């Protein structure tokens, strides 16, 4: 019986790992376990949930012409 070299077997198996295979594994894991949710901080600078005030002002033309 011939002895198999573990390094050759490992290198051979790495040939099959491609970006598509990794994405398939990640998508399957996310579907089965649920995808992590990113938390967002919606609190304004003063600690309240109210939005900041936005002021729109018209620009004056320059008199440099």
C-alpha atoms as a PDB file:
ATOM      1  CA  UNK A   1       0.000   0.000   0.000  1.00  0.00           C
ATOM      2  CA  UNK A   2       1.438   3.372  -0.983  1.00  0.00           C
ATOM      3  CA  UNK A   3       1.817   6.063   1.659  1.00  0.00           C
ATOM      4  CA  UNK A   4       0.113   9.336   0.822  1.00  0.00           C
ATOM      5  CA  UNK A   5       1.870  12.631   1.406  1.00  0.00           C
ATOM      6  CA  UNK A   6      -0.385  14.905   3.502  1.00  0.00           C
ATOM      7  CA  UNK A   7       1.154  18.031   1.940  1.00  0.00           C
ATOM      8  CA  UNK A   8       0.178  16.886  -1.562  1.00  0.00           C
ATOM      9  CA  UNK A   9      -3.364  16.119  -0.465  1.00  0.00           C
ATOM     10  CA  UNK A  10      -3.690  19.519   1.179  1.00  0.00           C
ATOM     11  CA  UNK A  11      -2.347  21.320  -1.876  1.00  0.00           C
ATOM     12  CA  UNK A  12      -4.698  19.361  -4.123  1.00  0.00           C
ATOM     13  CA  UNK A  13      -7.726  20.275  -1.998  1.00  0.00           C
ATOM     14  CA  UNK A  14      -6.780  23.979  -2.065  1.00  0.00           C
ATOM     15  CA  UNK A  15      -7.124  23.919  -5.857  1.00  0.00           C
ATOM     16  CA  UNK A  16     -10.907  23.669  -5.458  1.00  0.00           C
ATOM     17  CA  UNK A  17     -11.254  26.654  -3.138  1.00  0.00           C
ATOM     18  CA  UNK A  18     -12.227  29.598  -5.321  1.00  0.00           C
ATOM     19  CA  UNK A  19     -14.038  32.870  -4.685  1.00  0.00           C
ATOM     20  CA  UNK A  20     -17.344  31.377  -5.829  1.00  0.00           C
ATOM     21  CA  UNK A  21     -17.042  28.450  -3.444  1.00  0.00           C
ATOM     22  CA  UNK A  22     -16.196  30.751  -0.517  1.00  0.00           C
ATOM     23  CA  UNK A  23     -19.193  32.973  -1.332  1.00  0.00           C
ATOM     24  CA  UNK A  24     -21.457  29.941  -1.521  1.00  0.00           C
ATOM     25  CA  UNK A  25     -20.277  28.774   1.910  1.00  0.00           C
ATOM     26  CA  UNK A  26     -20.693  32.263   3.415  1.00  0.00           C
ATOM     27  CA  UNK A  27     -24.188  32.695   1.949  1.00  0.00           C
ATOM     28  CA  UNK A  28     -25.268  29.283   3.229  1.00  0.00           C
ATOM     29  CA  UNK A  29     -23.900  30.052   6.687  1.00  0.00           C
ATOM     30  CA  UNK A  30     -25.599  33.474   6.748  1.00  0.00           C
ATOM     31  CA  UNK A  31     -28.899  31.932   5.723  1.00  0.00           C
ATOM     32  CA  UNK A  32     -28.682  29.216   8.350  1.00  0.00           C
ATOM     33  CA  UNK A  33     -27.329  31.268  11.240  1.00  0.00           C
ATOM     34  CA  UNK A  34     -28.607  34.711  10.337  1.00  0.00           C
ATOM     35  CA  UNK A  35     -26.572  37.662   9.162  1.00  0.00           C
ATOM     36  CA  UNK A  36     -25.094  39.993  11.739  1.00  0.00           C
ATOM     37  CA  UNK A  37     -26.844  43.363  11.916  1.00  0.00           C
ATOM     38  CA  UNK A  38     -24.802  46.537  11.974  1.00  0.00           C
ATOM     39  CA  UNK A  39     -25.926  48.963  14.652  1.00  0.00           C
ATOM     40  CA  UNK A  40     -26.277  52.636  13.777  1.00  0.00           C
ATOM     41  CA  UNK A  41     -26.069  55.530  16.196  1.00  0.00           C
ATOM     42  CA  UNK A  42     -29.019  57.885  15.521  1.00  0.00           C
ATOM     43  CA  UNK A  43     -28.443  60.153  18.522  1.00  0.00           C
ATOM     44  CA  UNK A  44     -27.626  63.794  17.784  1.00  0.00           C
ATOM     45  CA  UNK A  45     -24.873  65.782  19.528  1.00  0.00           C
ATOM     46  CA  UNK A  46     -27.168  66.960  22.340  1.00  0.00           C
ATOM     47  CA  UNK A  47     -28.228  63.386  23.139  1.00  0.00           C
ATOM     48  CA  UNK A  48     -31.726  63.637  21.698  1.00  0.00           C
ATOM     49  CA  UNK A  49     -33.189  61.886  18.683  1.00  0.00           C
ATOM     50  CA  UNK A  50     -34.159  65.157  16.976  1.00  0.00           C
ATOM     51  CA  UNK A  51     -32.424  65.960  13.702  1.00  0.00           C
ATOM     52  CA  UNK A  52     -30.045  68.874  13.474  1.00  0.00           C
ATOM     53  CA  UNK A  53     -31.290  72.099  11.953  1.00  0.00           C
ATOM     54  CA  UNK A  54     -30.329  72.711   8.344  1.00  0.00           C
ATOM     55  CA  UNK A  55     -30.287  76.316   7.123  1.00  0.00           C
ATOM     56  CA  UNK A  56     -30.295  77.054   3.395  1.00  0.00           C
ATOM     57  CA  UNK A  57     -29.139  80.538   2.450  1.00  0.00           C
ATOM     58  CA  UNK A  58     -28.895  82.130  -0.976  1.00  0.00           C
ATOM     59  CA  UNK A  59     -25.435  83.062  -2.108  1.00  0.00           C
ATOM     60  CA  UNK A  60     -24.716  86.673  -3.048  1.00  0.00           C
ATOM     61  CA  UNK A  61     -22.930  87.395  -6.332  1.00  0.00           C
ATOM     62  CA  UNK A  62     -19.373  88.645  -6.096  1.00  0.00           C
ATOM     63  CA  UNK A  63     -18.718  92.260  -7.097  1.00  0.00           C
ATOM     64  CA  UNK A  64     -15.286  91.413  -8.565  1.00  0.00           C
ATOM     65  CA  UNK A  65     -16.430  91.596 -12.216  1.00  0.00           C
END
